[in-house]
Amino acid sequence: MLMPLFGVSINIITLFAFIMVLGIVVDDAIVIGESVYTEVEKNGGGVTNVVRGAQRVATPATFGVLTTIAVFVPFLFSTGPEKAFFYGLSIVVIFCLIFSLIESKLILPAHLAHTKFTPIKENSYRARFNRAFFKFINGPYKRTVSKCVEWRWSVMAGFIAILVVSAAW
């Protein structure tokens, strides 16, 4: 709705910008939603737990979006033949990120506060999957990550060796 106010129309460039920023918008909502779900799963439903879950990740999510906006602001002031490309792209990305910020911090938690979370049935497929998944995460995956951190320079050398071999091929 705001695009015509800034002289931007719907075209290939603005659609590309929208598709490009869509991943960031979805990631922001997923981070908030997962934090809320974790809080509700731990302490039960209710507005207070939804707010606590959203607040836990609000600051890093907000700064993640603001730094991305800061990257696109200088493109608004570009000149020359590429100005139309960069201006349209930047306007769409900045507006999408601003609306995403508003939606993920205010509207999404309000919707989640009214959602009825039912406990997972003990013998359901989801409960069995969750047990197996957390067993994997807290077992072999955690041990592997710990070893990789402990032997970080060897891991780095291994990845550089793989990169060199890939480039050679």
C-alpha atoms as a PDB file:
ATOM      1  CA  MET A   1       0.000   0.000   0.000  1.00  0.00           C
ATOM      2  CA  LEU A   2       2.882   2.367   0.686  1.00  0.00           C
ATOM      3  CA  MET A   3       4.794   1.640  -2.510  1.00  0.00           C
ATOM      4  CA  PRO A   4       2.938   4.207  -4.681  1.00  0.00           C
ATOM      5  CA  LEU A   5       3.674   6.908  -2.082  1.00  0.00           C
ATOM      6  CA  PHE A   6       7.371   6.327  -2.719  1.00  0.00           C
ATOM      7  CA  GLY A   7       7.111   6.030  -6.500  1.00  0.00           C
ATOM      8  CA  VAL A   8       7.609   2.273  -6.634  1.00  0.00           C
ATOM      9  CA  SER A   9       5.441  -0.076  -8.686  1.00  0.00           C
ATOM     10  CA  ILE A  10       5.027  -3.824  -8.679  1.00  0.00           C
ATOM     11  CA  ASN A  11       7.527  -5.181 -11.197  1.00  0.00           C
ATOM     12  CA  ILE A  12      10.182  -7.871 -11.507  1.00  0.00           C
ATOM     13  CA  ILE A  13      12.629  -5.990  -9.277  1.00  0.00           C
ATOM     14  CA  THR A  14      10.161  -5.379  -6.443  1.00  0.00           C
ATOM     15  CA  LEU A  15       8.861  -8.953  -6.650  1.00  0.00           C
ATOM     16  CA  PHE A  16      12.449 -10.187  -6.451  1.00  0.00           C
ATOM     17  CA  ALA A  17      12.981  -8.000  -3.381  1.00  0.00           C
ATOM     18  CA  PHE A  18       9.854  -9.387  -1.762  1.00  0.00           C
ATOM     19  CA  ILE A  19      10.865 -12.992  -2.424  1.00  0.00           C
ATOM     20  CA  MET A  20      14.387 -12.266  -1.184  1.00  0.00           C
ATOM     21  CA  VAL A  21      13.208 -10.775   2.108  1.00  0.00           C
ATOM     22  CA  LEU A  22      10.481 -13.367   2.635  1.00  0.00           C
ATOM     23  CA  GLY A  23      12.965 -15.809   4.145  1.00  0.00           C
ATOM     24  CA  ILE A  24      14.037 -13.274   6.756  1.00  0.00           C
ATOM     25  CA  VAL A  25      10.415 -12.466   7.571  1.00  0.00           C
ATOM     26  CA  VAL A  26       9.553 -16.145   8.027  1.00  0.00           C
ATOM     27  CA  ASP A  27      12.669 -16.785  10.120  1.00  0.00           C
ATOM     28  CA  ASP A  28      11.742 -13.947  12.465  1.00  0.00           C
ATOM     29  CA  ALA A  29       8.263 -15.390  13.006  1.00  0.00           C
ATOM     30  CA  ILE A  30       9.659 -18.899  13.521  1.00  0.00           C
ATOM     31  CA  VAL A  31      12.104 -17.699  16.178  1.00  0.00           C
ATOM     32  CA  ILE A  32       9.339 -15.913  18.101  1.00  0.00           C
ATOM     33  CA  GLY A  33       6.887 -18.804  17.680  1.00  0.00           C
ATOM     34  CA  GLU A  34       9.392 -21.438  18.803  1.00  0.00           C
ATOM     35  CA  SER A  35      10.354 -19.408  21.853  1.00  0.00           C
ATOM     36  CA  VAL A  36       6.695 -18.979  22.778  1.00  0.00           C
ATOM     37  CA  TYR A  37       6.016 -22.677  22.242  1.00  0.00           C
ATOM     38  CA  THR A  38       8.989 -23.654  24.428  1.00  0.00           C
ATOM     39  CA  GLU A  39       7.777 -21.369  27.213  1.00  0.00           C
ATOM     40  CA  VAL A  40       4.196 -22.643  26.958  1.00  0.00           C
ATOM     41  CA  GLU A  41       5.383 -26.259  26.866  1.00  0.00           C
ATOM     42  CA  LYS A  42       7.495 -25.674  29.985  1.00  0.00           C
ATOM     43  CA  ASN A  43       5.116 -23.522  32.072  1.00  0.00           C
ATOM     44  CA  GLY A  44       1.658 -23.982  30.535  1.00  0.00           C
ATOM     45  CA  GLY A  45      -0.522 -21.746  28.388  1.00  0.00           C
ATOM     46  CA  GLY A  46      -1.604 -18.214  29.081  1.00  0.00           C
ATOM     47  CA  VAL A  47      -0.811 -14.705  28.047  1.00  0.00           C
ATOM     48  CA  THR A  48       1.968 -14.304  30.618  1.00  0.00           C
ATOM     49  CA  ASN A  49       3.938 -17.271  29.289  1.00  0.00           C
ATOM     50  CA  VAL A  50       3.403 -16.204  25.689  1.00  0.00           C
ATOM     51  CA  VAL A  51       4.704 -12.722  26.510  1.00  0.00           C
ATOM     52  CA  ARG A  52       7.672 -14.183  28.406  1.00  0.00           C
ATOM     53  CA  GLY A  53       8.492 -16.445  25.452  1.00  0.00           C
ATOM     54  CA  ALA A  54       8.277 -13.573  22.968  1.00  0.00           C
ATOM     55  CA  GLN A  55      10.327 -11.256  25.188  1.00  0.00           C
ATOM     56  CA  ARG A  56      13.109 -13.816  25.530  1.00  0.00           C
ATOM     57  CA  VAL A  57      14.044 -13.453  21.849  1.00  0.00           C
ATOM     58  CA  ALA A  58      12.602 -10.006  21.100  1.00  0.00           C
ATOM     59  CA  THR A  59      15.867  -8.094  21.438  1.00  0.00           C
ATOM     60  CA  PRO A  60      18.076 -10.297  19.217  1.00  0.00           C
ATOM     61  CA  ALA A  61      15.289 -10.684  16.649  1.00  0.00           C
ATOM     62  CA  THR A  62      14.740  -6.915  16.594  1.00  0.00           C
ATOM     63  CA  PHE A  63      18.425  -6.138  16.169  1.00  0.00           C
ATOM     64  CA  GLY A  64      18.701  -8.779  13.448  1.00  0.00           C
ATOM     65  CA  VAL A  65      15.975  -7.014  11.473  1.00  0.00           C
ATOM     66  CA  LEU A  66      17.345  -3.520  12.207  1.00  0.00           C
ATOM     67  CA  THR A  67      20.828  -4.438  10.980  1.00  0.00           C
ATOM     68  CA  THR A  68      19.337  -5.789   7.765  1.00  0.00           C
ATOM     69  CA  ILE A  69      17.382  -2.554   7.325  1.00  0.00           C
ATOM     70  CA  ALA A  70      20.607  -0.620   7.941  1.00  0.00           C
ATOM     71  CA  VAL A  71      22.246  -2.526   5.074  1.00  0.00           C
ATOM     72  CA  PHE A  72      19.537  -1.465   2.609  1.00  0.00           C
ATOM     73  CA  VAL A  73      19.154   2.211   3.638  1.00  0.00           C
ATOM     74  CA  PRO A  74      22.267   3.434   1.750  1.00  0.00           C
ATOM     75  CA  PHE A  75      20.839   1.945  -1.466  1.00  0.00           C
ATOM     76  CA  LEU A  76      18.001   4.497  -1.231  1.00  0.00           C
ATOM     77  CA  PHE A  77      20.523   7.238  -1.975  1.00  0.00           C
ATOM     78  CA  SER A  78      22.180   5.643  -4.998  1.00  0.00           C
ATOM     79  CA  THR A  79      22.499   7.647  -8.187  1.00  0.00           C
ATOM     80  CA  GLY A  80      23.018   6.936 -11.824  1.00  0.00           C
ATOM     81  CA  PRO A  81      21.389   4.430 -14.136  1.00  0.00           C
ATOM     82  CA  GLU A  82      21.112   1.758 -11.427  1.00  0.00           C
ATOM     83  CA  LYS A  83      19.149   4.058  -9.090  1.00  0.00           C
ATOM     84  CA  ALA A  84      15.739   2.655 -10.114  1.00  0.00           C
ATOM     85  CA  PHE A  85      16.870  -0.896  -9.453  1.00  0.00           C
ATOM     86  CA  PHE A  86      18.384  -0.221  -6.026  1.00  0.00           C
ATOM     87  CA  TYR A  87      15.671   2.201  -4.912  1.00  0.00           C
ATOM     88  CA  GLY A  88      12.781  -0.170  -5.662  1.00  0.00           C
ATOM     89  CA  LEU A  89      14.581  -3.121  -4.133  1.00  0.00           C
ATOM     90  CA  SER A  90      15.459  -1.190  -0.974  1.00  0.00           C
ATOM     91  CA  ILE A  91      11.990   0.282  -0.430  1.00  0.00           C
ATOM     92  CA  VAL A  92      10.341  -3.139  -0.646  1.00  0.00           C
ATOM     93  CA  VAL A  93      12.905  -4.814   1.628  1.00  0.00           C
ATOM     94  CA  ILE A  94      12.760  -2.043   4.243  1.00  0.00           C
ATOM     95  CA  PHE A  95       8.958  -1.938   4.336  1.00  0.00           C
ATOM     96  CA  CYS A  96       8.683  -5.719   4.530  1.00  0.00           C
ATOM     97  CA  LEU A  97      11.155  -5.813   7.400  1.00  0.00           C
ATOM     98  CA  ILE A  98       9.396  -3.006   9.288  1.00  0.00           C
ATOM     99  CA  PHE A  99       6.020  -4.706   8.924  1.00  0.00           C
ATOM    100  CA  SER A 100       7.609  -8.026   9.884  1.00  0.00           C
ATOM    101  CA  LEU A 101       8.979  -6.440  13.035  1.00  0.00           C
ATOM    102  CA  ILE A 102       5.546  -5.131  13.982  1.00  0.00           C
ATOM    103  CA  GLU A 103       3.829  -8.398  13.118  1.00  0.00           C
ATOM    104  CA  SER A 104       6.262 -10.703  14.920  1.00  0.00           C
ATOM    105  CA  LYS A 105       6.433  -8.625  18.104  1.00  0.00           C
ATOM    106  CA  LEU A 106       2.782  -7.611  18.456  1.00  0.00           C
ATOM    107  CA  ILE A 107       0.363  -9.535  16.261  1.00  0.00           C
ATOM    108  CA  LEU A 108       1.917 -13.027  16.348  1.00  0.00           C
ATOM    109  CA  PRO A 109       2.148 -13.203  20.167  1.00  0.00           C
ATOM    110  CA  ALA A 110      -1.457 -12.000  20.402  1.00  0.00           C
ATOM    111  CA  HIS A 111      -2.550 -14.849  18.124  1.00  0.00           C
ATOM    112  CA  LEU A 112      -0.435 -17.370  20.008  1.00  0.00           C
ATOM    113  CA  ALA A 113      -1.880 -16.229  23.348  1.00  0.00           C
ATOM    114  CA  HIS A 114      -5.321 -17.374  22.186  1.00  0.00           C
ATOM    115  CA  THR A 115      -4.131 -20.723  20.841  1.00  0.00           C
ATOM    116  CA  LYS A 116      -5.085 -23.765  22.886  1.00  0.00           C
ATOM    117  CA  PHE A 117      -1.967 -25.885  23.296  1.00  0.00           C
ATOM    118  CA  THR A 118      -2.862 -29.482  24.047  1.00  0.00           C
ATOM    119  CA  PRO A 119      -0.307 -31.820  25.586  1.00  0.00           C
ATOM    120  CA  ILE A 120       1.200 -34.421  23.280  1.00  0.00           C
ATOM    121  CA  LYS A 121      -0.291 -37.883  23.780  1.00  0.00           C
ATOM    122  CA  GLU A 122       2.299 -40.211  25.274  1.00  0.00           C
ATOM    123  CA  ASN A 123       2.167 -42.936  22.602  1.00  0.00           C
ATOM    124  CA  SER A 124       1.572 -40.767  19.558  1.00  0.00           C
ATOM    125  CA  TYR A 125       3.901 -40.603  16.570  1.00  0.00           C
ATOM    126  CA  ARG A 126       4.917 -37.076  17.579  1.00  0.00           C
ATOM    127  CA  ALA A 127       5.842 -38.141  21.131  1.00  0.00           C
ATOM    128  CA  ARG A 128       7.944 -41.035  19.798  1.00  0.00           C
ATOM    129  CA  PHE A 129       9.604 -38.730  17.258  1.00  0.00           C
ATOM    130  CA  ASN A 130      10.330 -36.107  19.950  1.00  0.00           C
ATOM    131  CA  ARG A 131      11.923 -38.716  22.236  1.00  0.00           C
ATOM    132  CA  ALA A 132      14.100 -40.084  19.426  1.00  0.00           C
ATOM    133  CA  PHE A 133      15.029 -36.590  18.241  1.00  0.00           C
ATOM    134  CA  PHE A 134      16.023 -35.327  21.699  1.00  0.00           C
ATOM    135  CA  LYS A 135      17.913 -38.572  22.343  1.00  0.00           C
ATOM    136  CA  PHE A 136      19.908 -37.897  19.158  1.00  0.00           C
ATOM    137  CA  ILE A 137      20.439 -34.200  20.000  1.00  0.00           C
ATOM    138  CA  ASN A 138      21.546 -34.844  23.584  1.00  0.00           C
ATOM    139  CA  GLY A 139      23.623 -37.911  22.627  1.00  0.00           C
ATOM    140  CA  PRO A 140      25.697 -38.258  19.455  1.00  0.00           C
ATOM    141  CA  TYR A 141      25.065 -34.743  18.116  1.00  0.00           C
ATOM    142  CA  LYS A 142      26.106 -33.048  21.377  1.00  0.00           C
ATOM    143  CA  ARG A 143      29.212 -35.244  21.641  1.00  0.00           C
ATOM    144  CA  THR A 144      30.169 -34.467  18.018  1.00  0.00           C
ATOM    145  CA  VAL A 145      29.767 -30.720  18.475  1.00  0.00           C
ATOM    146  CA  SER A 146      31.769 -30.856  21.725  1.00  0.00           C
ATOM    147  CA  LYS A 147      34.606 -32.710  19.963  1.00  0.00           C
ATOM    148  CA  CYS A 148      34.505 -30.249  17.055  1.00  0.00           C
ATOM    149  CA  VAL A 149      34.818 -27.329  19.477  1.00  0.00           C
ATOM    150  CA  GLU A 150      37.595 -29.086  21.364  1.00  0.00           C
ATOM    151  CA  TRP A 151      39.494 -29.835  18.126  1.00  0.00           C
ATOM    152  CA  ARG A 152      38.449 -26.634  16.322  1.00  0.00           C
ATOM    153  CA  TRP A 153      41.737 -26.104  14.466  1.00  0.00           C
ATOM    154  CA  SER A 154      41.725 -29.659  13.142  1.00  0.00           C
ATOM    155  CA  VAL A 155      38.118 -29.231  12.034  1.00  0.00           C
ATOM    156  CA  MET A 156      39.005 -25.939  10.333  1.00  0.00           C
ATOM    157  CA  ALA A 157      41.966 -27.579   8.578  1.00  0.00           C
ATOM    158  CA  GLY A 158      39.707 -30.424   7.441  1.00  0.00           C
ATOM    159  CA  PHE A 159      37.182 -28.016   5.933  1.00  0.00           C
ATOM    160  CA  ILE A 160      39.926 -26.050   4.206  1.00  0.00           C
ATOM    161  CA  ALA A 161      41.312 -29.329   2.801  1.00  0.00           C
ATOM    162  CA  ILE A 162      37.838 -30.242   1.491  1.00  0.00           C
ATOM    163  CA  LEU A 163      37.542 -26.759  -0.049  1.00  0.00           C
ATOM    164  CA  VAL A 164      40.924 -27.083  -1.768  1.00  0.00           C
ATOM    165  CA  VAL A 165      40.080 -30.557  -3.094  1.00  0.00           C
ATOM    166  CA  SER A 166      36.693 -29.296  -4.347  1.00  0.00           C
ATOM    167  CA  ALA A 167      38.314 -26.343  -6.103  1.00  0.00           C
ATOM    168  CA  ALA A 168      40.929 -28.642  -7.637  1.00  0.00           C
ATOM    169  CA  TRP A 169      38.256 -30.904  -9.070  1.00  0.00           C
END
